[in-house]
């Protein structure tokens, strides 16, 4: 799902959970709250993906800038 979300540019995407996950990722990019549950969830999803992804040119980042220090 993360691969789809990071490559999807449709604002009206009908794929299951795409709009919700995009919203959570956008939140994580702008959130300033320490120990935010949404940011922690996004961080964990990215960690899980980076541990299992075998693509050398994967479009999914291992971390987002604002969740690196949380």
N, C-alpha and C. Protein backbone atom coordinates (compact mmCIF):
# COMPACT_ATOMS: atom_id res chain seq x y z
N UNK A 1 0.81 -1.19 0.00
CA UNK A 1 0.00 0.00 0.00
C UNK A 1 0.86 1.26 0.00
N UNK A 2 1.96 1.26 0.75
CA UNK A 2 2.82 2.44 0.80
C UNK A 2 3.39 2.78 -0.57
N UNK A 3 3.75 1.76 -1.35
CA UNK A 3 4.26 2.02 -2.70
C UNK A 3 3.21 2.76 -3.51
N UNK A 4 1.97 2.35 -3.40
CA UNK A 4 0.90 3.02 -4.12
C UNK A 4 0.74 4.46 -3.64
N UNK A 5 0.69 4.66 -2.34
CA UNK A 5 0.46 5.99 -1.77
C UNK A 5 1.54 6.98 -2.20
N UNK A 6 2.79 6.56 -2.18
CA UNK A 6 3.87 7.48 -2.54
C UNK A 6 3.98 7.72 -4.04
N UNK A 7 3.28 6.92 -4.85
CA UNK A 7 3.30 7.16 -6.29
C UNK A 7 1.96 7.68 -6.81
N UNK A 8 0.94 7.70 -5.97
CA UNK A 8 -0.40 8.14 -6.37
C UNK A 8 -0.50 9.67 -6.30
N UNK A 9 -0.96 10.25 -7.39
CA UNK A 9 -1.12 11.71 -7.44
C UNK A 9 -2.58 12.12 -7.62
N UNK A 10 -3.47 11.17 -7.45
CA UNK A 10 -4.90 11.46 -7.62
C UNK A 10 -5.51 11.93 -6.30
N UNK A 11 -6.17 13.04 -6.36
CA UNK A 11 -6.84 13.54 -5.15
C UNK A 11 -8.12 12.76 -4.87
N UNK A 12 -8.63 12.07 -5.89
CA UNK A 12 -9.88 11.31 -5.75
C UNK A 12 -9.64 9.80 -5.84
N UNK A 13 -8.49 9.34 -5.41
CA UNK A 13 -8.15 7.92 -5.50
C UNK A 13 -9.18 7.08 -4.74
N UNK A 14 -9.63 6.03 -5.37
CA UNK A 14 -10.65 5.15 -4.77
C UNK A 14 -10.04 3.91 -4.13
N UNK A 15 -8.73 3.77 -4.23
CA UNK A 15 -8.07 2.59 -3.65
C UNK A 15 -8.22 2.62 -2.13
N UNK A 16 -8.49 1.47 -1.57
CA UNK A 16 -8.74 1.36 -0.15
C UNK A 16 -7.62 1.97 0.69
N UNK A 17 -7.98 2.87 1.56
CA UNK A 17 -7.08 3.53 2.53
C UNK A 17 -6.08 4.52 1.94
N UNK A 18 -6.01 4.69 0.64
CA UNK A 18 -5.05 5.62 0.05
C UNK A 18 -5.25 7.04 0.56
N UNK A 19 -6.45 7.61 0.47
CA UNK A 19 -6.63 8.98 0.95
C UNK A 19 -6.33 9.14 2.44
N UNK A 20 -6.70 8.14 3.24
CA UNK A 20 -6.46 8.22 4.68
C UNK A 20 -4.96 8.17 4.99
N UNK A 21 -4.25 7.30 4.32
CA UNK A 21 -2.81 7.18 4.56
C UNK A 21 -2.06 8.41 4.07
N UNK A 22 -2.50 8.98 2.94
CA UNK A 22 -1.91 10.23 2.46
C UNK A 22 -2.08 11.33 3.51
N UNK A 23 -3.27 11.39 4.10
CA UNK A 23 -3.56 12.40 5.12
C UNK A 23 -2.66 12.20 6.35
N UNK A 24 -2.45 10.96 6.76
CA UNK A 24 -1.59 10.68 7.91
C UNK A 24 -0.14 11.04 7.61
N UNK A 25 0.32 10.76 6.41
CA UNK A 25 1.70 11.09 6.02
C UNK A 25 1.88 12.60 5.98
N UNK A 26 0.91 13.31 5.42
CA UNK A 26 0.97 14.77 5.39
C UNK A 26 1.00 15.32 6.82
N UNK A 27 0.20 14.73 7.69
CA UNK A 27 0.20 15.13 9.10
C UNK A 27 1.60 14.95 9.69
N UNK A 28 2.21 13.80 9.44
CA UNK A 28 3.53 13.51 10.00
C UNK A 28 4.60 14.47 9.49
N UNK A 29 4.41 14.99 8.30
CA UNK A 29 5.36 15.95 7.74
C UNK A 29 5.28 17.32 8.40
N UNK A 30 4.13 17.63 8.98
CA UNK A 30 3.92 18.97 9.53
C UNK A 30 3.70 19.02 11.04
N UNK A 31 3.54 17.89 11.67
CA UNK A 31 3.23 17.83 13.11
C UNK A 31 4.43 18.24 13.97
N UNK A 32 4.15 18.98 15.02
CA UNK A 32 5.19 19.43 15.96
C UNK A 32 4.97 18.86 17.36
N UNK A 33 4.05 17.94 17.52
CA UNK A 33 3.71 17.38 18.83
C UNK A 33 4.63 16.20 19.15
N UNK A 34 5.24 16.23 20.33
CA UNK A 34 6.08 15.10 20.76
C UNK A 34 5.21 13.88 21.03
N UNK A 35 5.70 12.73 20.63
CA UNK A 35 5.04 11.45 20.86
C UNK A 35 3.62 11.38 20.29
N UNK A 36 3.40 12.00 19.17
CA UNK A 36 2.10 11.98 18.50
C UNK A 36 1.80 10.56 18.02
N UNK A 37 0.62 10.05 18.33
CA UNK A 37 0.26 8.69 17.95
C UNK A 37 0.21 8.50 16.43
N UNK A 38 -0.30 9.49 15.72
CA UNK A 38 -0.36 9.40 14.26
C UNK A 38 1.05 9.33 13.68
N UNK A 39 1.93 10.21 14.15
CA UNK A 39 3.31 10.22 13.66
C UNK A 39 4.03 8.92 13.99
N UNK A 40 3.81 8.42 15.18
CA UNK A 40 4.44 7.15 15.57
C UNK A 40 3.96 6.01 14.68
N UNK A 41 2.67 6.02 14.32
CA UNK A 41 2.14 4.99 13.43
C UNK A 41 2.75 5.07 12.04
N UNK A 42 2.88 6.28 11.52
CA UNK A 42 3.50 6.47 10.20
C UNK A 42 4.96 6.03 10.26
N UNK A 43 5.65 6.42 11.31
CA UNK A 43 7.06 6.06 11.47
C UNK A 43 7.22 4.54 11.48
N UNK A 44 6.36 3.86 12.20
CA UNK A 44 6.44 2.39 12.27
C UNK A 44 6.15 1.75 10.92
N UNK A 45 5.15 2.26 10.20
CA UNK A 45 4.86 1.73 8.86
C UNK A 45 6.07 1.87 7.94
N UNK A 46 6.73 3.03 7.98
CA UNK A 46 7.90 3.25 7.15
C UNK A 46 9.06 2.34 7.55
N UNK A 47 9.22 2.12 8.85
CA UNK A 47 10.27 1.22 9.33
C UNK A 47 10.02 -0.21 8.86
N UNK A 48 8.79 -0.67 8.99
CA UNK A 48 8.44 -2.02 8.56
C UNK A 48 8.68 -2.17 7.06
N UNK A 49 8.26 -1.17 6.30
CA UNK A 49 8.45 -1.23 4.85
C UNK A 49 9.94 -1.28 4.51
N UNK A 50 10.73 -0.43 5.13
CA UNK A 50 12.16 -0.37 4.80
C UNK A 50 12.89 -1.66 5.18
N UNK A 51 12.40 -2.36 6.20
CA UNK A 51 13.02 -3.62 6.61
C UNK A 51 12.71 -4.75 5.63
N UNK A 52 11.59 -4.66 4.93
CA UNK A 52 11.18 -5.76 4.05
C UNK A 52 11.29 -5.46 2.56
N UNK A 53 11.43 -4.20 2.19
CA UNK A 53 11.46 -3.83 0.77
C UNK A 53 12.80 -4.21 0.14
N UNK A 54 12.73 -4.82 -1.03
CA UNK A 54 13.94 -5.24 -1.73
C UNK A 54 14.25 -4.36 -2.94
N UNK A 55 13.43 -3.35 -3.19
CA UNK A 55 13.63 -2.48 -4.35
C UNK A 55 14.75 -1.48 -4.08
N UNK A 56 15.71 -1.42 -4.98
CA UNK A 56 16.82 -0.47 -4.84
C UNK A 56 16.36 0.96 -5.06
N UNK A 57 15.39 1.14 -5.94
CA UNK A 57 14.89 2.48 -6.27
C UNK A 57 13.50 2.73 -5.70
N UNK A 58 13.24 2.21 -4.52
CA UNK A 58 11.93 2.34 -3.89
C UNK A 58 11.58 3.81 -3.65
N UNK A 59 10.34 4.16 -3.94
CA UNK A 59 9.87 5.54 -3.79
C UNK A 59 9.43 5.86 -2.35
N UNK A 60 9.37 4.84 -1.51
CA UNK A 60 8.94 5.04 -0.13
C UNK A 60 10.16 5.37 0.72
N UNK A 61 10.17 6.52 1.39
CA UNK A 61 11.33 6.86 2.22
C UNK A 61 11.36 6.00 3.48
N UNK A 62 12.54 5.79 4.03
CA UNK A 62 12.63 5.01 5.26
C UNK A 62 12.15 5.83 6.45
N UNK A 63 12.30 7.16 6.36
CA UNK A 63 11.79 8.08 7.38
C UNK A 63 11.37 9.38 6.72
N UNK A 64 10.43 10.05 7.34
CA UNK A 64 10.04 11.38 6.89
C UNK A 64 10.80 12.40 7.73
N UNK A 65 11.15 13.54 7.17
CA UNK A 65 11.96 14.53 7.90
C UNK A 65 11.46 14.88 9.30
N UNK A 66 10.18 15.14 9.47
CA UNK A 66 9.71 15.59 10.78
C UNK A 66 9.53 14.47 11.79
N UNK A 67 9.50 13.21 11.37
CA UNK A 67 9.35 12.12 12.34
C UNK A 67 10.70 11.51 12.72
N UNK A 68 11.78 11.99 12.16
CA UNK A 68 13.10 11.44 12.47
C UNK A 68 13.49 11.63 13.92
N UNK A 69 13.13 12.76 14.49
CA UNK A 69 13.56 13.08 15.85
C UNK A 69 12.53 12.78 16.92
N UNK A 70 11.44 12.18 16.56
CA UNK A 70 10.40 11.90 17.56
C UNK A 70 10.62 10.54 18.17
